[in-house]
Amino acid sequence: MARIEIKPAFSENNILIITSSRDEFAPYVGVLLESVIEHSSAGNNYDFVVLEDGMGLNNKAMLKSLVSGRVDFSLRFFEVGEFLAGYTLKSSAAYVPSLSCARLMIPDLFPYSDKAIWIDADTVVERDIAELYYTDLEGCLLAAVRDIGMASDYYRPGFWGKPVIDSIMHISPDSYFNAGVLLINCTLFRQTCTSNELLKAAAKPEFRYLDQDALNFICAGRVKYIPMSWNVHVSFKERTLAPPQLLAQYDLATQCPYIVHYIGPEKPGEHPIMNMHHYFWKYARNTPFYELFWYNLIRTHAGENVGRKKSGFKNKIKETLIIPAVSLIFPKNTKRRYLLKKAYFKLRGWDL
């Protein structure tokens, strides 16, 4: 496959923002993009690039509708699945997609760019992302946030990653960073290693988190650590074993997040009342994917046999969690409530 060289979309003030997605994750890209739009500032031009693998034309059209008529936003898609197919990139964690390794190709894919922001699609921004782009990298390969989850897991008895951190990466556990939000020094990376070398590192069988582990390995000692507000992790995992200073920084960051990152397999589109869900839904409702999120939620949670008597536990879940959540997001006597009811009745095969 011929090598892609992607030029900046704008000749001035080009803020390069890159994510990746397959077709089924396109709605999350839409929510992320909407959050970037809502916090954009005059004078900046936002070059939003999706490195994708098989994204459908319909989802691309829906995403493009978000930037329609905006002269300060560009949205482009580039297929990279074939580039990655030549590497053995399979994580033992089922929720870690090999497509995330596309971030390792950024310095070579964007040879005309000095730096770039990488941001996972399961995020929303609460601040102008250009502020991150203009951060001084101070000669480092990248800027990132310390991974409080890894710092906590390290001290858990029998943790699989301890020998990897100690004997392969040769870093301290609180130096390990999360790669979901990065400011990448593309120029320095091109002088340091190639995409091929990075992808081969990600294929190491010891690296459960593929590209994230590879970047921690390659960039050891050359990372600028930025405030945790730029990548506030949300998951169901306990973090209580992390060093106290990191826990304090994390607690402070959750009070005023710049970027909210729903790490792990649980996402707010499937768990609508998970922690910090409101950051996600306030942008989701402004995208063309909003009804799709709720249609899938209804299809997943409604059950097949409406006439079957539900258990007391299921009734309790319905009354204490599902109904209040639906009423909060879909108030009675609103168009939103009507569209939800219409989708539900269609799913059931009933007439409205």
Protein backbone atom coordinates (compact mmCIF):
# COMPACT_ATOMS: atom_id res chain seq x y z
CA MET A 1 0.00 0.00 0.00
CA ALA A 2 1.33 3.43 -0.95
CA ARG A 3 2.50 5.61 1.88
CA ILE A 4 0.14 8.42 2.90
CA GLU A 5 1.54 11.90 3.52
CA ILE A 6 -1.09 14.16 5.05
CA LYS A 7 -0.61 17.91 4.73
CA PRO A 8 -2.13 20.48 7.12
CA ALA A 9 -5.66 21.54 6.23
CA PHE A 10 -4.92 25.20 6.96
CA SER A 11 -1.91 27.34 6.11
CA GLU A 12 -2.09 29.30 9.39
CA ASN A 13 -2.89 28.48 13.03
CA ASN A 14 -3.46 24.82 12.18
CA ILE A 15 -4.40 22.87 15.33
CA LEU A 16 -3.88 19.23 14.35
CA ILE A 17 -6.17 16.87 16.30
CA ILE A 18 -6.12 13.15 15.51
CA THR A 19 -8.25 10.24 16.69
CA SER A 20 -9.09 6.76 15.38
CA SER A 21 -12.31 4.85 14.94
CA ARG A 22 -14.05 1.93 13.35
CA ASP A 23 -17.60 2.27 12.05
CA GLU A 24 -19.32 1.20 15.26
CA PHE A 25 -17.46 3.81 17.31
CA ALA A 26 -18.34 6.73 15.02
CA PRO A 27 -21.03 8.09 17.41
CA TYR A 28 -18.35 8.61 20.06
CA VAL A 29 -16.21 10.48 17.54
CA GLY A 30 -19.24 12.69 16.96
CA VAL A 31 -19.56 13.50 20.66
CA LEU A 32 -15.84 14.26 20.92
CA LEU A 33 -15.95 16.47 17.83
CA GLU A 34 -18.97 18.37 19.14
CA SER A 35 -17.19 19.05 22.43
CA VAL A 36 -14.14 20.37 20.55
CA ILE A 37 -16.39 22.63 18.47
CA GLU A 38 -18.22 24.03 21.48
CA HIS A 39 -14.94 25.04 23.14
CA SER A 40 -13.15 26.36 20.05
CA SER A 41 -11.85 29.94 19.91
CA ALA A 42 -11.62 32.58 17.23
CA GLY A 43 -8.24 32.81 15.52
CA ASN A 44 -7.57 29.06 15.58
CA ASN A 45 -8.17 26.59 12.76
CA TYR A 46 -8.99 23.05 13.86
CA ASP A 47 -7.69 20.26 11.63
CA PHE A 48 -9.59 17.18 12.89
CA VAL A 49 -8.40 13.91 11.37
CA VAL A 50 -9.92 10.44 11.85
CA LEU A 51 -7.63 7.49 11.15
CA GLU A 52 -10.23 4.84 10.42
CA ASP A 53 -10.71 1.24 9.45
CA GLY A 54 -13.89 0.56 7.51
CA MET A 55 -16.01 3.52 8.60
CA GLY A 56 -19.22 3.68 6.56
CA LEU A 57 -20.27 6.55 4.33
CA ASN A 58 -23.40 7.24 6.37
CA ASN A 59 -21.46 7.75 9.59
CA LYS A 60 -18.92 9.92 7.78
CA ALA A 61 -21.73 12.08 6.42
CA MET A 62 -23.26 12.45 9.89
CA LEU A 63 -19.88 13.48 11.30
CA LYS A 64 -19.31 15.97 8.49
CA SER A 65 -22.67 17.58 9.24
CA LEU A 66 -21.24 18.75 12.58
CA VAL A 67 -18.70 21.01 10.86
CA SER A 68 -20.86 22.01 7.89
CA GLY A 69 -20.52 25.73 7.20
CA ARG A 70 -17.58 26.19 9.59
CA VAL A 71 -14.58 27.84 7.97
CA ASP A 72 -12.39 27.19 11.03
CA PHE A 73 -12.90 23.40 11.07
CA SER A 74 -11.72 20.68 8.72
CA LEU A 75 -12.76 17.04 9.09
CA ARG A 76 -10.89 14.38 7.12
CA PHE A 77 -10.80 10.57 7.12
CA PHE A 78 -7.87 8.33 6.23
CA GLU A 79 -8.03 4.53 6.01
CA VAL A 80 -5.10 2.95 7.89
CA GLY A 81 -6.30 -0.61 8.49
CA GLU A 82 -4.09 -2.06 5.76
CA PHE A 83 -1.00 -0.36 7.19
CA LEU A 84 -1.56 -2.06 10.55
CA ALA A 85 -2.44 -5.46 9.09
CA GLY A 86 1.23 -6.36 8.64
CA TYR A 87 1.90 -6.33 12.39
CA THR A 88 0.81 -8.76 15.09
CA LEU A 89 -1.10 -6.34 17.30
CA LYS A 90 -3.36 -8.29 19.64
CA SER A 91 -3.90 -7.41 23.27
CA SER A 92 -4.86 -9.84 26.00
CA ALA A 93 -7.33 -7.14 27.09
CA ALA A 94 -10.28 -7.56 24.73
CA TYR A 95 -11.30 -3.89 24.95
CA VAL A 96 -7.92 -2.62 23.67
CA PRO A 97 -8.29 -2.20 19.86
CA SER A 98 -5.33 -2.70 17.56
CA LEU A 99 -6.50 0.40 15.65
CA SER A 100 -5.26 2.51 18.56
CA CYS A 101 -1.76 1.70 17.32
CA ALA A 102 -2.43 4.15 14.49
CA ARG A 103 -1.14 6.84 16.85
CA LEU A 104 2.35 5.36 16.44
CA MET A 105 2.24 6.29 12.75
CA ILE A 106 1.48 9.98 13.29
CA PRO A 107 5.00 11.46 12.87
CA ASP A 108 5.41 9.70 9.50
CA LEU A 109 1.82 10.17 8.32
CA PHE A 110 2.05 13.92 8.97
CA PRO A 111 5.58 14.78 7.72
CA TYR A 112 4.73 18.48 7.33
CA SER A 113 3.56 18.91 10.93
CA ASP A 114 5.84 19.78 13.86
CA LYS A 115 3.41 18.50 16.48
CA ALA A 116 -0.02 16.96 16.86
CA ILE A 117 -2.63 16.17 19.46
CA TRP A 118 -3.74 12.58 19.75
CA ILE A 119 -7.03 12.06 21.57
CA ASP A 120 -8.95 8.82 22.05
CA ALA A 121 -12.52 8.85 20.76
CA ASP A 122 -13.97 7.96 24.18
CA THR A 123 -13.29 11.46 25.49
CA VAL A 124 -14.95 14.87 25.68
CA VAL A 125 -13.20 18.20 26.11
CA GLU A 126 -14.20 20.93 28.53
CA ARG A 127 -11.65 23.52 27.41
CA ASP A 128 -10.25 24.86 24.16
CA ILE A 129 -7.96 22.06 23.02
CA ALA A 130 -5.73 24.62 21.32
CA GLU A 131 -4.36 25.40 24.80
CA LEU A 132 -2.91 21.90 24.91
CA TYR A 133 -1.52 22.24 21.38
CA TYR A 134 0.40 25.40 22.30
CA THR A 135 2.02 23.77 25.34
CA ASP A 136 5.83 24.05 25.25
CA LEU A 137 7.19 20.51 24.91
CA GLU A 138 10.60 21.64 26.21
CA GLY A 139 12.52 19.17 24.03
CA CYS A 140 10.48 16.12 25.07
CA LEU A 141 9.08 13.51 22.70
CA LEU A 142 5.57 14.04 24.00
CA ALA A 143 3.42 15.50 26.76
CA ALA A 144 1.05 13.25 28.69
CA VAL A 145 -0.74 12.65 32.00
CA ARG A 146 0.42 10.10 34.57
CA ASP A 147 -1.78 6.99 34.60
CA ILE A 148 -3.28 6.78 38.08
CA GLY A 149 -4.87 3.41 37.30
CA MET A 150 -1.52 1.82 36.47
CA ALA A 151 0.10 3.48 39.50
CA SER A 152 -2.58 1.86 41.66
CA ASP A 153 -2.53 -1.57 39.98
CA TYR A 154 1.25 -1.78 40.38
CA TYR A 155 0.84 -2.19 44.15
CA ARG A 156 -1.87 -4.83 43.84
CA PRO A 157 -0.56 -8.33 44.75
CA GLY A 158 0.21 -10.44 41.67
CA PHE A 159 -0.24 -7.57 39.19
CA TRP A 160 0.85 -8.79 35.74
CA GLY A 161 2.39 -5.45 34.74
CA LYS A 162 4.90 -5.12 37.56
CA PRO A 163 7.71 -7.11 35.87
CA VAL A 164 7.05 -5.29 32.58
CA ILE A 165 7.41 -1.87 34.23
CA ASP A 166 10.41 -2.93 36.32
CA SER A 167 12.41 -5.11 33.93
CA ILE A 168 11.45 -4.01 30.40
CA MET A 169 10.45 -0.34 30.62
CA HIS A 170 12.76 0.43 33.55
CA ILE A 171 10.50 3.20 34.85
CA SER A 172 8.77 3.90 38.15
CA PRO A 173 5.03 3.09 38.26
CA ASP A 174 4.09 6.73 38.77
CA SER A 175 6.05 7.65 35.61
CA TYR A 176 3.82 5.46 33.44
CA PHE A 177 1.50 7.68 31.37
CA ASN A 178 -1.84 7.13 29.72
CA ALA A 179 -1.68 7.51 25.93
CA GLY A 180 -5.32 8.52 25.47
CA VAL A 181 -4.38 12.20 25.30
CA LEU A 182 -0.96 13.14 23.91
CA LEU A 183 0.80 16.17 22.54
CA ILE A 184 3.32 14.62 20.15
CA ASN A 185 6.59 16.21 19.09
CA CYS A 186 6.44 14.95 15.50
CA THR A 187 9.72 16.54 14.46
CA LEU A 188 11.69 14.96 17.32
CA PHE A 189 10.00 11.58 16.85
CA ARG A 190 11.04 11.50 13.19
CA GLN A 191 14.63 12.07 14.32
CA THR A 192 14.39 9.35 16.98
CA CYS A 193 12.58 6.35 15.46
CA THR A 194 10.33 5.27 12.61
CA SER A 195 6.72 4.17 12.68
CA ASN A 196 7.90 0.68 11.79
CA GLU A 197 10.12 0.57 14.89
CA LEU A 198 7.29 1.81 17.09
CA LEU A 199 4.82 -0.73 15.72
CA LYS A 200 7.32 -3.57 16.21
CA ALA A 201 7.72 -2.45 19.82
CA ALA A 202 3.92 -2.46 20.28
CA ALA A 203 3.83 -6.07 19.04
CA LYS A 204 5.97 -7.28 21.97
CA PRO A 205 3.98 -10.11 23.62
CA GLU A 206 4.66 -8.62 27.07
CA PHE A 207 2.89 -5.37 26.14
CA ARG A 208 -0.77 -5.81 27.12
CA TYR A 209 -1.62 -2.22 26.19
CA LEU A 210 0.19 -2.35 22.83
CA ASP A 211 0.96 1.19 21.67
CA GLN A 212 0.60 2.71 25.14
CA ASP A 213 3.19 0.32 26.55
CA ALA A 214 5.43 0.85 23.52
CA LEU A 215 5.34 4.63 23.97
CA ASN A 216 6.14 4.33 27.68
CA PHE A 217 9.07 2.10 26.74
CA ILE A 218 10.41 4.29 23.90
CA CYS A 219 9.82 7.66 25.57
CA ALA A 220 11.15 6.84 29.06
CA GLY A 221 12.88 9.91 30.46
CA ARG A 222 11.67 12.12 27.59
CA VAL A 223 8.11 12.87 28.69
CA LYS A 224 6.66 16.18 29.81
CA TYR A 225 4.01 15.47 32.43
CA ILE A 226 1.06 17.82 32.25
CA PRO A 227 -1.72 18.37 34.83
CA MET A 228 -4.17 15.50 35.29
CA SER A 229 -7.01 17.82 34.26
CA TRP A 230 -5.97 17.17 30.66
CA ASN A 231 -6.88 13.47 30.94
CA VAL A 232 -9.27 12.69 33.79
CA HIS A 233 -9.82 8.93 33.78
CA VAL A 234 -13.32 7.59 34.42
CA SER A 235 -13.84 3.88 35.01
CA PHE A 236 -15.21 1.40 37.55
CA LYS A 237 -11.70 0.44 38.69
CA GLU A 238 -10.46 1.21 42.18
CA ARG A 239 -7.44 3.50 42.39
CA THR A 240 -6.93 3.54 46.15
CA LEU A 241 -3.45 1.96 46.04
CA ALA A 242 -1.92 4.80 44.04
CA PRO A 243 0.61 7.05 45.81
CA PRO A 244 -1.17 9.71 47.94
CA GLN A 245 0.22 12.62 45.92
CA LEU A 246 -1.24 11.19 42.70
CA LEU A 247 -4.60 10.55 44.37
CA ALA A 248 -4.67 14.16 45.55
CA GLN A 249 -3.88 15.41 42.03
CA TYR A 250 -6.58 13.18 40.57
CA ASP A 251 -9.23 14.30 43.06
CA LEU A 252 -8.42 17.93 42.25
CA ALA A 253 -8.58 17.26 38.49
CA THR A 254 -12.04 15.69 38.73
CA GLN A 255 -13.36 18.94 40.17
CA CYS A 256 -12.38 20.91 37.06
CA PRO A 257 -11.58 18.53 34.15
CA TYR A 258 -10.24 19.84 30.85
CA ILE A 259 -10.69 16.45 29.17
CA VAL A 260 -12.85 13.60 30.49
CA HIS A 261 -11.69 10.16 29.37
CA TYR A 262 -13.96 7.12 29.74
CA ILE A 263 -11.23 4.49 29.81
CA GLY A 264 -11.84 0.75 29.95
CA PRO A 265 -14.67 -1.25 28.37
CA GLU A 266 -17.51 0.72 30.01
CA LYS A 267 -18.71 3.76 28.06
CA PRO A 268 -21.46 6.25 28.91
CA GLY A 269 -23.34 5.35 25.73
CA GLU A 270 -23.94 1.89 27.23
CA HIS A 271 -23.87 2.95 30.92
CA PRO A 272 -25.79 6.25 30.91
CA ILE A 273 -25.47 6.95 34.63
CA MET A 274 -21.82 6.01 35.14
CA ASN A 275 -19.56 8.44 36.95
CA MET A 276 -19.18 11.83 35.20
CA HIS A 277 -21.78 10.80 32.62
CA HIS A 278 -23.23 14.30 32.38
CA TYR A 279 -20.14 15.61 30.58
CA PHE A 280 -20.77 13.10 27.81
CA TRP A 281 -24.52 13.52 27.44
CA LYS A 282 -24.55 17.30 27.26
CA TYR A 283 -22.58 17.04 23.98
CA ALA A 284 -24.20 13.81 22.74
CA ARG A 285 -27.63 15.46 22.62
CA ASN A 286 -26.25 18.03 20.15
CA THR A 287 -25.16 15.39 17.64
CA PRO A 288 -27.11 13.42 15.03
CA PHE A 289 -26.16 10.26 16.93
CA TYR A 290 -28.18 11.06 20.06
CA GLU A 291 -31.26 9.00 19.21
CA LEU A 292 -29.02 6.14 18.09
CA PHE A 293 -27.41 5.97 21.51
CA TRP A 294 -30.80 5.68 23.16
CA TYR A 295 -32.20 3.30 20.58
CA ASN A 296 -29.30 0.94 21.33
CA LEU A 297 -29.79 1.39 25.07
CA ILE A 298 -33.45 0.48 24.79
CA ARG A 299 -32.71 -2.50 22.58
CA THR A 300 -30.08 -3.72 25.05
CA HIS A 301 -31.99 -3.22 28.29
CA ALA A 302 -35.67 -3.55 27.42
CA GLY A 303 -35.67 -7.36 27.23
CA GLU A 304 -37.53 -9.54 24.77
CA ASN A 305 -40.58 -10.74 26.68
CA VAL A 306 -42.55 -7.69 27.82
CA GLY A 307 -45.31 -9.88 29.24
CA ARG A 308 -42.97 -11.89 31.44
CA LYS A 309 -43.09 -11.06 35.13
CA LYS A 310 -39.89 -9.38 36.17
CA SER A 311 -38.02 -10.34 39.29
CA GLY A 312 -38.07 -8.09 42.33
CA PHE A 313 -34.42 -7.22 41.73
CA LYS A 314 -35.08 -6.23 38.11
CA ASN A 315 -38.06 -4.12 39.18
CA LYS A 316 -35.90 -2.37 41.76
CA ILE A 317 -33.23 -1.63 39.14
CA LYS A 318 -35.89 -0.30 36.80
CA GLU A 319 -37.55 1.90 39.41
CA THR A 320 -34.41 3.23 41.08
CA LEU A 321 -32.03 3.57 38.11
CA ILE A 322 -33.53 3.24 34.65
CA ILE A 323 -36.75 5.23 35.03
CA PRO A 324 -35.12 8.18 36.89
CA ALA A 325 -32.30 8.30 34.32
CA VAL A 326 -34.72 8.28 31.39
CA SER A 327 -36.89 10.95 33.00
CA LEU A 328 -33.86 13.14 33.64
CA ILE A 329 -32.58 12.99 30.07
CA PHE A 330 -36.00 12.73 28.36
CA PRO A 331 -38.37 15.01 30.35
CA LYS A 332 -42.09 14.40 29.91
CA ASN A 333 -44.00 16.47 27.34
CA THR A 334 -40.87 17.20 25.27
CA LYS A 335 -40.00 16.37 21.68
CA ARG A 336 -37.07 14.36 22.99
CA ARG A 337 -39.43 12.15 25.02
CA TYR A 338 -41.69 11.69 22.00
CA LEU A 339 -38.75 10.57 19.80
CA LEU A 340 -37.64 8.11 22.48
CA LYS A 341 -41.15 6.67 22.73
CA LYS A 342 -41.36 6.45 18.94
CA ALA A 343 -38.05 4.51 18.79
CA TYR A 344 -39.19 2.18 21.59
CA PHE A 345 -42.52 1.44 19.94
CA LYS A 346 -40.79 0.81 16.61
CA LEU A 347 -38.47 -1.66 18.31
CA ARG A 348 -41.46 -3.47 19.80
CA GLY A 349 -43.45 -3.44 16.57
CA TRP A 350 -46.22 -1.43 18.17
CA ASP A 351 -48.18 1.51 16.80
CA LEU A 352 -47.58 4.86 18.51
